[in-house]
Amino acid sequence: WFRQAPGKEREGVSCISRRGGGTDYADDVKGRFTISRDNAKNTLHL
């Protein structure tokens, strides 16, 4: 998941690895955002 605010560069927010390999978060969203995937529904959530 990435985001881009007006006048700013795109920045990474969170990611989830393939095959249960783990997640990562930008420092300013840690503890507030949670990434997850539902492979059965082919859907990701933030």
All heavy atoms as atom14 arrays in JSON, in Angstrom:
{
  "sequence": "WFRQAPGKEREGVSCISRRGGGTDYADDVKGRFTISRDNAKNTLHL",
  "atom14_mask": [
    [1, 1, 1, 1, 1, 1, 1, 1, 1, 1, 1, 1, 1, 1],
    [1, 1, 1, 1, 1, 1, 1, 1, 1, 1, 1, 0, 0, 0],
    [1, 1, 1, 1, 1, 1, 1, 1, 1, 1, 1, 0, 0, 0],
    [1, 1, 1, 1, 1, 1, 1, 1, 1, 0, 0, 0, 0, 0],
    [1, 1, 1, 1, 1, 0, 0, 0, 0, 0, 0, 0, 0, 0],
    [1, 1, 1, 1, 1, 1, 1, 0, 0, 0, 0, 0, 0, 0],
    [1, 1, 1, 1, 0, 0, 0, 0, 0, 0, 0, 0, 0, 0],
    [1, 1, 1, 1, 1, 1, 1, 1, 1, 0, 0, 0, 0, 0],
    [1, 1, 1, 1, 1, 1, 1, 1, 1, 0, 0, 0, 0, 0],
    [1, 1, 1, 1, 1, 1, 1, 1, 1, 1, 1, 0, 0, 0],
    [1, 1, 1, 1, 1, 1, 1, 1, 1, 0, 0, 0, 0, 0],
    [1, 1, 1, 1, 0, 0, 0, 0, 0, 0, 0, 0, 0, 0],
    [1, 1, 1, 1, 1, 1, 1, 0, 0, 0, 0, 0, 0, 0],
    [1, 1, 1, 1, 1, 1, 0, 0, 0, 0, 0, 0, 0, 0],
    [1, 1, 1, 1, 1, 1, 0, 0, 0, 0, 0, 0, 0, 0],
    [1, 1, 1, 1, 1, 1, 1, 1, 0, 0, 0, 0, 0, 0],
    [1, 1, 1, 1, 1, 1, 0, 0, 0, 0, 0, 0, 0, 0],
    [1, 1, 1, 1, 1, 1, 1, 1, 1, 1, 1, 0, 0, 0],
    [1, 1, 1, 1, 1, 1, 1, 1, 1, 1, 1, 0, 0, 0],
    [1, 1, 1, 1, 0, 0, 0, 0, 0, 0, 0, 0, 0, 0],
    [1, 1, 1, 1, 0, 0, 0, 0, 0, 0, 0, 0, 0, 0],
    [1, 1, 1, 1, 0, 0, 0, 0, 0, 0, 0, 0, 0, 0],
    [1, 1, 1, 1, 1, 1, 1, 0, 0, 0, 0, 0, 0, 0],
    [1, 1, 1, 1, 1, 1, 1, 1, 0, 0, 0, 0, 0, 0],
    [1, 1, 1, 1, 1, 1, 1, 1, 1, 1, 1, 1, 0, 0],
    [1, 1, 1, 1, 1, 0, 0, 0, 0, 0, 0, 0, 0, 0],
    [1, 1, 1, 1, 1, 1, 1, 1, 0, 0, 0, 0, 0, 0],
    [1, 1, 1, 1, 1, 1, 1, 1, 0, 0, 0, 0, 0, 0],
    [1, 1, 1, 1, 1, 1, 1, 0, 0, 0, 0, 0, 0, 0],
    [1, 1, 1, 1, 1, 1, 1, 1, 1, 0, 0, 0, 0, 0],
    [1, 1, 1, 1, 0, 0, 0, 0, 0, 0, 0, 0, 0, 0],
    [1, 1, 1, 1, 1, 1, 1, 1, 1, 1, 1, 0, 0, 0],
    [1, 1, 1, 1, 1, 1, 1, 1, 1, 1, 1, 0, 0, 0],
    [1, 1, 1, 1, 1, 1, 1, 0, 0, 0, 0, 0, 0, 0],
    [1, 1, 1, 1, 1, 1, 1, 1, 0, 0, 0, 0, 0, 0],
    [1, 1, 1, 1, 1, 1, 0, 0, 0, 0, 0, 0, 0, 0],
    [1, 1, 1, 1, 1, 1, 1, 1, 1, 1, 1, 0, 0, 0],
    [1, 1, 1, 1, 1, 1, 1, 1, 0, 0, 0, 0, 0, 0],
    [1, 1, 1, 1, 1, 1, 1, 1, 0, 0, 0, 0, 0, 0],
    [1, 1, 1, 1, 1, 0, 0, 0, 0, 0, 0, 0, 0, 0],
    [1, 1, 1, 1, 1, 1, 1, 1, 1, 0, 0, 0, 0, 0],
    [1, 1, 1, 1, 1, 1, 1, 1, 0, 0, 0, 0, 0, 0],
    [1, 1, 1, 1, 1, 1, 1, 0, 0, 0, 0, 0, 0, 0],
    [1, 1, 1, 1, 1, 1, 1, 1, 0, 0, 0, 0, 0, 0],
    [1, 1, 1, 1, 1, 1, 1, 1, 1, 1, 0, 0, 0, 0],
    [1, 1, 1, 1, 1, 1, 1, 1, 0, 0, 0, 0, 0, 0]
  ],
  "atom14_positions": [
    [[0.87, -1.18, 0.0], [0.0, 0.0, 0.0], [0.9, 1.23, 0.0], [1.83, 1.32, 0.81], [-0.91, 0.02, 1.23], [-2.09, -0.89, 1.15], [-2.19, -2.14, 1.69], [-3.34, -0.64, 0.5], [-3.43, -2.68, 1.42], [-4.16, -1.77, 0.69], [-3.86, 0.44, -0.21], [-5.45, -1.86, 0.19], [-5.15, 0.36, -0.7], [-5.93, -0.79, -0.5]],
    [[0.6, 2.15, -0.88], [1.35, 3.38, -1.01], [0.37, 4.55, -0.96], [-0.83, 4.36, -1.15], [2.12, 3.4, -2.33], [3.17, 2.34, -2.43], [2.83, 1.03, -2.77], [4.5, 2.62, -2.16], [3.78, 0.03, -2.84], [5.47, 1.63, -2.23], [5.11, 0.34, -2.57], [0.0, 0.0, 0.0], [0.0, 0.0, 0.0], [0.0, 0.0, 0.0]],
    [[0.88, 5.73, -0.7], [0.01, 6.91, -0.71], [0.76, 8.1, -1.27], [1.99, 8.17, -1.22], [-0.51, 7.21, 0.69], [0.55, 7.66, 1.7], [-0.06, 7.77, 3.08], [0.93, 8.2, 4.07], [0.7, 8.25, 5.38], [-0.49, 7.89, 5.87], [1.64, 8.64, 6.21], [0.0, 0.0, 0.0], [0.0, 0.0, 0.0], [0.0, 0.0, 0.0]],
    [[-0.01, 9.02, -1.8], [0.56, 10.25, -2.33], [-0.35, 11.41, -1.99], [-1.52, 11.44, -2.39], [0.76, 10.17, -3.85], [1.52, 11.35, -4.4], [2.03, 11.13, -5.81], [1.53, 10.27, -6.54], [3.03, 11.87, -6.21], [0.0, 0.0, 0.0], [0.0, 0.0, 0.0], [0.0, 0.0, 0.0], [0.0, 0.0, 0.0], [0.0, 0.0, 0.0]],
    [[0.19, 12.34, -1.22], [-0.54, 13.55, -0.85], [-0.24, 14.65, -1.88], [0.8, 14.6, -2.54], [-0.14, 14.0, 0.54], [0.0, 0.0, 0.0], [0.0, 0.0, 0.0], [0.0, 0.0, 0.0], [0.0, 0.0, 0.0], [0.0, 0.0, 0.0], [0.0, 0.0, 0.0], [0.0, 0.0, 0.0], [0.0, 0.0, 0.0], [0.0, 0.0, 0.0]],
    [[-1.11, 15.63, -2.01], [-0.87, 16.72, -2.96], [0.48, 17.39, -2.71], [0.8, 17.76, -1.58], [-2.04, 17.67, -2.7], [-3.11, 16.82, -2.15], [-2.42, 15.78, -1.34], [0.0, 0.0, 0.0], [0.0, 0.0, 0.0], [0.0, 0.0, 0.0], [0.0, 0.0, 0.0], [0.0, 0.0, 0.0], [0.0, 0.0, 0.0], [0.0, 0.0, 0.0]],
    [[1.26, 17.54, -3.77], [2.54, 18.21, -3.66], [3.65, 17.39, -3.04], [4.75, 17.9, -2.82], [0.0, 0.0, 0.0], [0.0, 0.0, 0.0], [0.0, 0.0, 0.0], [0.0, 0.0, 0.0], [0.0, 0.0, 0.0], [0.0, 0.0, 0.0], [0.0, 0.0, 0.0], [0.0, 0.0, 0.0], [0.0, 0.0, 0.0], [0.0, 0.0, 0.0]],
    [[3.36, 16.13, -2.74], [4.38, 15.28, -2.11], [4.65, 14.06, -2.98], [3.85, 13.67, -3.83], [3.91, 14.84, -0.73], [3.79, 15.98, 0.27], [3.47, 15.45, 1.66], [3.42, 16.57, 2.68], [3.14, 16.05, 4.04], [0.0, 0.0, 0.0], [0.0, 0.0, 0.0], [0.0, 0.0, 0.0], [0.0, 0.0, 0.0], [0.0, 0.0, 0.0]],
    [[5.78, 13.45, -2.73], [6.12, 12.23, -3.44], [5.35, 11.03, -2.87], [4.94, 11.04, -1.71], [7.63, 11.97, -3.35], [8.46, 13.01, -4.09], [9.93, 12.64, -4.16], [10.32, 11.62, -3.55], [10.69, 13.36, -4.82], [0.0, 0.0, 0.0], [0.0, 0.0, 0.0], [0.0, 0.0, 0.0], [0.0, 0.0, 0.0], [0.0, 0.0, 0.0]],
    [[5.2, 10.04, -3.71], [4.57, 8.8, -3.25], [5.44, 8.15, -2.17], [6.67, 8.14, -2.27], [4.42, 7.85, -4.44], [3.74, 6.54, -4.14], [3.69, 5.69, -5.38], [5.04, 5.33, -5.84], [5.31, 4.86, -7.04], [4.35, 4.7, -7.94], [6.56, 4.56, -7.37], [0.0, 0.0, 0.0], [0.0, 0.0, 0.0], [0.0, 0.0, 0.0]],
    [[4.78, 7.6, -1.17], [5.51, 6.94, -0.09], [4.88, 5.59, 0.23], [3.67, 5.4, 0.09], [5.54, 7.81, 1.17], [4.18, 8.12, 1.75], [4.28, 8.93, 3.03], [5.4, 9.17, 3.52], [3.23, 9.34, 3.54], [0.0, 0.0, 0.0], [0.0, 0.0, 0.0], [0.0, 0.0, 0.0], [0.0, 0.0, 0.0], [0.0, 0.0, 0.0]],
    [[5.71, 4.69, 0.66], [5.23, 3.37, 1.06], [4.59, 3.43, 2.44], [5.1, 4.1, 3.33], [0.0, 0.0, 0.0], [0.0, 0.0, 0.0], [0.0, 0.0, 0.0], [0.0, 0.0, 0.0], [0.0, 0.0, 0.0], [0.0, 0.0, 0.0], [0.0, 0.0, 0.0], [0.0, 0.0, 0.0], [0.0, 0.0, 0.0], [0.0, 0.0, 0.0]],
    [[3.48, 2.75, 2.59], [2.74, 2.73, 3.85], [2.89, 1.38, 4.55], [3.23, 1.31, 5.72], [1.25, 3.04, 3.61], [0.45, 2.91, 4.89], [1.09, 4.43, 3.01], [0.0, 0.0, 0.0], [0.0, 0.0, 0.0], [0.0, 0.0, 0.0], [0.0, 0.0, 0.0], [0.0, 0.0, 0.0], [0.0, 0.0, 0.0], [0.0, 0.0, 0.0]],
    [[2.61, 0.33, 3.8], [2.68, -1.01, 4.38], [2.81, -2.02, 3.26], [2.46, -1.74, 2.11], [1.41, -1.3, 5.19], [1.45, -2.6, 5.75], [0.0, 0.0, 0.0], [0.0, 0.0, 0.0], [0.0, 0.0, 0.0], [0.0, 0.0, 0.0], [0.0, 0.0, 0.0], [0.0, 0.0, 0.0], [0.0, 0.0, 0.0], [0.0, 0.0, 0.0]],
    [[3.32, -3.19, 3.58], [3.38, -4.26, 2.59], [3.27, -5.6, 3.29], [3.52, -5.72, 4.49], [4.65, -4.18, 1.75], [6.19, -4.47, 2.65], [0.0, 0.0, 0.0], [0.0, 0.0, 0.0], [0.0, 0.0, 0.0], [0.0, 0.0, 0.0], [0.0, 0.0, 0.0], [0.0, 0.0, 0.0], [0.0, 0.0, 0.0], [0.0, 0.0, 0.0]],
    [[2.87, -6.6, 2.49], [2.76, -7.96, 2.99], [3.43, -8.87, 1.98], [3.22, -8.77, 0.77], [1.28, -8.34, 3.23], [1.17, -9.71, 3.89], [0.45, -8.27, 1.95], [-0.21, -9.98, 4.48], [0.0, 0.0, 0.0], [0.0, 0.0, 0.0], [0.0, 0.0, 0.0], [0.0, 0.0, 0.0], [0.0, 0.0, 0.0], [0.0, 0.0, 0.0]],
    [[4.26, -9.75, 2.49], [5.07, -10.59, 1.62], [4.26, -11.73, 1.04], [3.16, -12.04, 1.51], [6.26, -11.15, 2.41], [6.99, -10.1, 3.02], [0.0, 0.0, 0.0], [0.0, 0.0, 0.0], [0.0, 0.0, 0.0], [0.0, 0.0, 0.0], [0.0, 0.0, 0.0], [0.0, 0.0, 0.0], [0.0, 0.0, 0.0], [0.0, 0.0, 0.0]],
    [[4.79, -12.36, 0.02], [4.14, -13.53, -0.55], [4.26, -14.71, 0.39], [5.24, -14.8, 1.16], [4.75, -13.84, -1.92], [6.23, -14.19, -1.89], [6.88, -14.03, -3.26], [6.41, -14.95, -4.24], [7.03, -16.09, -4.55], [8.14, -16.42, -3.91], [6.56, -16.88, -5.48], [0.0, 0.0, 0.0], [0.0, 0.0, 0.0], [0.0, 0.0, 0.0]],
    [[3.26, -15.58, 0.36], [3.31, -16.87, 1.04], [3.64, -16.74, 2.52], [4.49, -17.49, 3.04], [4.27, -17.82, 0.33], [3.88, -18.07, -1.11], [4.83, -19.03, -1.79], [4.5, -19.2, -3.19], [5.18, -19.98, -4.03], [6.23, -20.65, -3.58], [4.83, -20.06, -5.29], [0.0, 0.0, 0.0], [0.0, 0.0, 0.0], [0.0, 0.0, 0.0]],
    [[2.98, -15.82, 3.22], [3.16, -15.71, 4.66], [4.52, -15.23, 5.1], [4.95, -15.53, 6.22], [0.0, 0.0, 0.0], [0.0, 0.0, 0.0], [0.0, 0.0, 0.0], [0.0, 0.0, 0.0], [0.0, 0.0, 0.0], [0.0, 0.0, 0.0], [0.0, 0.0, 0.0], [0.0, 0.0, 0.0], [0.0, 0.0, 0.0], [0.0, 0.0, 0.0]],
    [[5.19, -14.46, 4.26], [6.56, -14.05, 4.57], [6.69, -12.85, 5.47], [7.81, -12.42, 5.74], [0.0, 0.0, 0.0], [0.0, 0.0, 0.0], [0.0, 0.0, 0.0], [0.0, 0.0, 0.0], [0.0, 0.0, 0.0], [0.0, 0.0, 0.0], [0.0, 0.0, 0.0], [0.0, 0.0, 0.0], [0.0, 0.0, 0.0], [0.0, 0.0, 0.0]],
    [[5.62, -12.28, 5.96], [5.74, -11.17, 6.9], [5.23, -9.86, 6.35], [4.86, -9.75, 5.17], [0.0, 0.0, 0.0], [0.0, 0.0, 0.0], [0.0, 0.0, 0.0], [0.0, 0.0, 0.0], [0.0, 0.0, 0.0], [0.0, 0.0, 0.0], [0.0, 0.0, 0.0], [0.0, 0.0, 0.0], [0.0, 0.0, 0.0], [0.0, 0.0, 0.0]],
    [[5.22, -8.85, 7.21], [4.7, -7.54, 6.86], [5.7, -6.46, 7.23], [6.65, -6.7, 7.99], [3.37, -7.26, 7.57], [3.59, -7.33, 8.99], [2.3, -8.28, 7.2], [0.0, 0.0, 0.0], [0.0, 0.0, 0.0], [0.0, 0.0, 0.0], [0.0, 0.0, 0.0], [0.0, 0.0, 0.0], [0.0, 0.0, 0.0], [0.0, 0.0, 0.0]],
    [[5.48, -5.28, 6.73], [6.31, -4.13, 7.09], [5.43, -2.89, 7.07], [4.42, -2.84, 6.33], [7.49, -3.97, 6.13], [8.57, -3.08, 6.7], [8.53, -2.76, 7.91], [9.47, -2.67, 5.93], [0.0, 0.0, 0.0], [0.0, 0.0, 0.0], [0.0, 0.0, 0.0], [0.0, 0.0, 0.0], [0.0, 0.0, 0.0], [0.0, 0.0, 0.0]],
    [[5.81, -1.89, 7.87], [5.04, -0.66, 7.96], [5.99, 0.53, 8.01], [7.09, 0.45, 8.56], [4.19, -0.66, 9.25], [3.14, -1.73, 9.31], [3.42, -2.98, 9.83], [1.86, -1.5, 8.82], [2.46, -3.97, 9.88], [0.88, -2.48, 8.87], [1.19, -3.71, 9.39], [0.23, -4.7, 9.43], [0.0, 0.0, 0.0], [0.0, 0.0, 0.0]],
    [[5.53, 1.63, 7.45], [6.25, 2.88, 7.62], [6.19, 3.29, 9.09], [5.21, 2.99, 9.78], [5.63, 3.96, 6.73], [0.0, 0.0, 0.0], [0.0, 0.0, 0.0], [0.0, 0.0, 0.0], [0.0, 0.0, 0.0], [0.0, 0.0, 0.0], [0.0, 0.0, 0.0], [0.0, 0.0, 0.0], [0.0, 0.0, 0.0], [0.0, 0.0, 0.0]],
    [[7.21, 3.98, 9.55], [7.28, 4.33, 10.97], [6.07, 5.13, 11.44], [5.59, 4.93, 12.56], [8.56, 5.13, 11.23], [9.81, 4.26, 11.18], [9.68, 3.02, 11.26], [10.91, 4.82, 11.03], [0.0, 0.0, 0.0], [0.0, 0.0, 0.0], [0.0, 0.0, 0.0], [0.0, 0.0, 0.0], [0.0, 0.0, 0.0], [0.0, 0.0, 0.0]],
    [[5.57, 6.01, 10.61], [4.49, 6.89, 11.07], [3.11, 6.23, 11.06], [2.13, 6.86, 11.48], [4.46, 8.2, 10.28], [4.25, 7.98, 8.8], [4.34, 6.82, 8.34], [4.0, 8.96, 8.08], [0.0, 0.0, 0.0], [0.0, 0.0, 0.0], [0.0, 0.0, 0.0], [0.0, 0.0, 0.0], [0.0, 0.0, 0.0], [0.0, 0.0, 0.0]],
    [[3.02, 4.97, 10.63], [1.73, 4.28, 10.7], [1.79, 3.05, 11.59], [0.76, 2.4, 11.82], [1.22, 3.88, 9.29], [1.17, 5.09, 8.37], [2.03, 2.76, 8.69], [0.0, 0.0, 0.0], [0.0, 0.0, 0.0], [0.0, 0.0, 0.0], [0.0, 0.0, 0.0], [0.0, 0.0, 0.0], [0.0, 0.0, 0.0], [0.0, 0.0, 0.0]],
    [[2.96, 2.71, 12.08], [3.09, 1.53, 12.95], [2.2, 1.69, 14.18], [2.17, 2.74, 14.81], [4.54, 1.35, 13.38], [5.43, 0.76, 12.3], [6.86, 0.59, 12.79], [7.74, 0.01, 11.7], [9.16, -0.09, 12.09], [0.0, 0.0, 0.0], [0.0, 0.0, 0.0], [0.0, 0.0, 0.0], [0.0, 0.0, 0.0], [0.0, 0.0, 0.0]],
    [[1.49, 0.64, 14.49], [0.59, 0.66, 15.63], [-0.78, 1.23, 15.31], [-1.7, 1.13, 16.12], [0.0, 0.0, 0.0], [0.0, 0.0, 0.0], [0.0, 0.0, 0.0], [0.0, 0.0, 0.0], [0.0, 0.0, 0.0], [0.0, 0.0, 0.0], [0.0, 0.0, 0.0], [0.0, 0.0, 0.0], [0.0, 0.0, 0.0], [0.0, 0.0, 0.0]],
    [[-0.93, 1.84, 14.13], [-2.22, 2.41, 13.74], [-2.83, 1.69, 12.53], [-4.05, 1.6, 12.41], [-2.07, 3.89, 13.39], [-1.55, 4.75, 14.53], [-1.65, 6.24, 14.2], [-0.84, 6.63, 13.05], [-1.33, 7.19, 11.94], [-2.61, 7.46, 11.84], [-0.51, 7.53, 10.94], [0.0, 0.0, 0.0], [0.0, 0.0, 0.0], [0.0, 0.0, 0.0]],
    [[-1.99, 1.19, 11.64], [-2.47, 0.53, 10.42], [-2.14, -0.95, 10.5], [-1.1, -1.35, 11.04], [-1.78, 1.11, 9.18], [-2.18, 2.52, 8.82], [-2.93, 3.32, 9.67], [-1.77, 3.07, 7.61], [-3.29, 4.6, 9.33], [-2.12, 4.35, 7.25], [-2.88, 5.12, 8.11], [0.0, 0.0, 0.0], [0.0, 0.0, 0.0], [0.0, 0.0, 0.0]],
    [[-3.0, -1.77, 9.9], [-2.78, -3.2, 9.84], [-3.11, -3.7, 8.43], [-4.21, -3.45, 7.92], [-3.65, -3.96, 10.85], [-3.38, -3.48, 12.17], [-3.36, -5.46, 10.8], [0.0, 0.0, 0.0], [0.0, 0.0, 0.0], [0.0, 0.0, 0.0], [0.0, 0.0, 0.0], [0.0, 0.0, 0.0], [0.0, 0.0, 0.0], [0.0, 0.0, 0.0]],
    [[-2.16, -4.39, 7.83], [-2.37, -4.95, 6.5], [-2.7, -6.43, 6.64], [-2.2, -7.12, 7.52], [-1.11, -4.76, 5.61], [-1.42, -5.1, 4.16], [0.07, -5.57, 6.14], [-0.28, -4.72, 3.19], [0.0, 0.0, 0.0], [0.0, 0.0, 0.0], [0.0, 0.0, 0.0], [0.0, 0.0, 0.0], [0.0, 0.0, 0.0], [0.0, 0.0, 0.0]],
    [[-3.59, -6.9, 5.77], [-3.95, -8.31, 5.8], [-4.37, -8.73, 4.4], [-4.69, -7.9, 3.56], [-5.08, -8.58, 6.8], [-6.25, -7.87, 6.43], [0.0, 0.0, 0.0], [0.0, 0.0, 0.0], [0.0, 0.0, 0.0], [0.0, 0.0, 0.0], [0.0, 0.0, 0.0], [0.0, 0.0, 0.0], [0.0, 0.0, 0.0], [0.0, 0.0, 0.0]],
    [[-4.36, -10.04, 4.18], [-4.8, -10.54, 2.89], [-5.8, -11.66, 3.1], [-5.71, -12.42, 4.07], [-3.65, -11.01, 2.01], [-2.81, -12.14, 2.56], [-2.02, -12.77, 1.43], [-0.75, -12.14, 1.16], [-0.28, -11.87, -0.04], [-0.98, -12.15, -1.1], [0.92, -11.34, -0.2], [0.0, 0.0, 0.0], [0.0, 0.0, 0.0], [0.0, 0.0, 0.0]],
    [[-6.76, -11.75, 2.21], [-7.73, -12.84, 2.19], [-7.56, -13.52, 0.84], [-8.17, -13.13, -0.14], [-9.14, -12.29, 2.38], [-10.18, -13.4, 2.47], [-9.89, -14.55, 2.05], [-11.29, -13.12, 2.94], [0.0, 0.0, 0.0], [0.0, 0.0, 0.0], [0.0, 0.0, 0.0], [0.0, 0.0, 0.0], [0.0, 0.0, 0.0], [0.0, 0.0, 0.0]],
    [[-6.71, -14.55, 0.81], [-6.4, -15.19, -0.47], [-7.62, -15.87, -1.09], [-7.73, -15.93, -2.31], [-5.26, -16.19, -0.28], [-3.95, -15.5, 0.04], [-3.65, -14.44, -0.48], [-3.17, -16.13, 0.9], [0.0, 0.0, 0.0], [0.0, 0.0, 0.0], [0.0, 0.0, 0.0], [0.0, 0.0, 0.0], [0.0, 0.0, 0.0], [0.0, 0.0, 0.0]],
    [[-8.52, -16.37, -0.25], [-9.7, -17.04, -0.78], [-10.58, -16.07, -1.57], [-11.25, -16.46, -2.52], [-10.49, -17.66, 0.36], [0.0, 0.0, 0.0], [0.0, 0.0, 0.0], [0.0, 0.0, 0.0], [0.0, 0.0, 0.0], [0.0, 0.0, 0.0], [0.0, 0.0, 0.0], [0.0, 0.0, 0.0], [0.0, 0.0, 0.0], [0.0, 0.0, 0.0]],
    [[-10.56, -14.79, -1.18], [-11.36, -13.77, -1.86], [-10.5, -12.89, -2.77], [-11.0, -11.92, -3.34], [-12.09, -12.9, -0.84], [-13.1, -13.68, -0.01], [-13.84, -12.76, 0.95], [-14.88, -13.54, 1.75], [-15.61, -12.67, 2.71], [0.0, 0.0, 0.0], [0.0, 0.0, 0.0], [0.0, 0.0, 0.0], [0.0, 0.0, 0.0], [0.0, 0.0, 0.0]],
    [[-9.23, -13.21, -2.89], [-8.32, -12.42, -3.72], [-8.38, -10.93, -3.37], [-8.45, -10.07, -4.25], [-8.64, -12.63, -5.21], [-8.39, -14.05, -5.64], [-7.45, -14.7, -5.17], [-9.21, -14.55, -6.54], [0.0, 0.0, 0.0], [0.0, 0.0, 0.0], [0.0, 0.0, 0.0], [0.0, 0.0, 0.0], [0.0, 0.0, 0.0], [0.0, 0.0, 0.0]],
    [[-8.34, -10.66, -2.09], [-8.51, -9.29, -1.6], [-7.49, -8.97, -0.53], [-7.15, -9.82, 0.29], [-9.93, -9.09, -1.04], [-10.88, -9.4, -2.05], [-10.14, -7.66, -0.59], [0.0, 0.0, 0.0], [0.0, 0.0, 0.0], [0.0, 0.0, 0.0], [0.0, 0.0, 0.0], [0.0, 0.0, 0.0], [0.0, 0.0, 0.0], [0.0, 0.0, 0.0]],
    [[-7.0, -7.74, -0.57], [-6.12, -7.22, 0.47], [-6.86, -6.14, 1.24], [-7.73, -5.46, 0.69], [-4.87, -6.58, -0.16], [-3.7, -7.46, -0.54], [-3.08, -8.12, 0.66], [-4.11, -8.49, -1.58], [0.0, 0.0, 0.0], [0.0, 0.0, 0.0], [0.0, 0.0, 0.0], [0.0, 0.0, 0.0], [0.0, 0.0, 0.0], [0.0, 0.0, 0.0]],
    [[-6.49, -5.95, 2.5], [-7.11, -4.91, 3.3], [-6.04, -4.09, 4.0], [-4.96, -4.59, 4.32], [-8.04, -5.52, 4.35], [-9.16, -6.33, 3.78], [-10.22, -5.77, 3.11], [-9.35, -7.67, 3.76], [-11.03, -6.71, 2.72], [-10.53, -7.88, 3.09], [0.0, 0.0, 0.0], [0.0, 0.0, 0.0], [0.0, 0.0, 0.0], [0.0, 0.0, 0.0]],
    [[-6.37, -2.83, 4.23], [-5.54, -1.98, 5.08], [-6.48, -1.33, 6.1], [-7.28, -0.45, 5.76], [-4.83, -0.9, 4.26], [-3.86, -0.02, 5.06], [-2.65, -0.86, 5.51], [-3.39, 1.17, 4.23], [0.0, 0.0, 0.0], [0.0, 0.0, 0.0], [0.0, 0.0, 0.0], [0.0, 0.0, 0.0], [0.0, 0.0, 0.0], [0.0, 0.0, 0.0]]
  ]
}
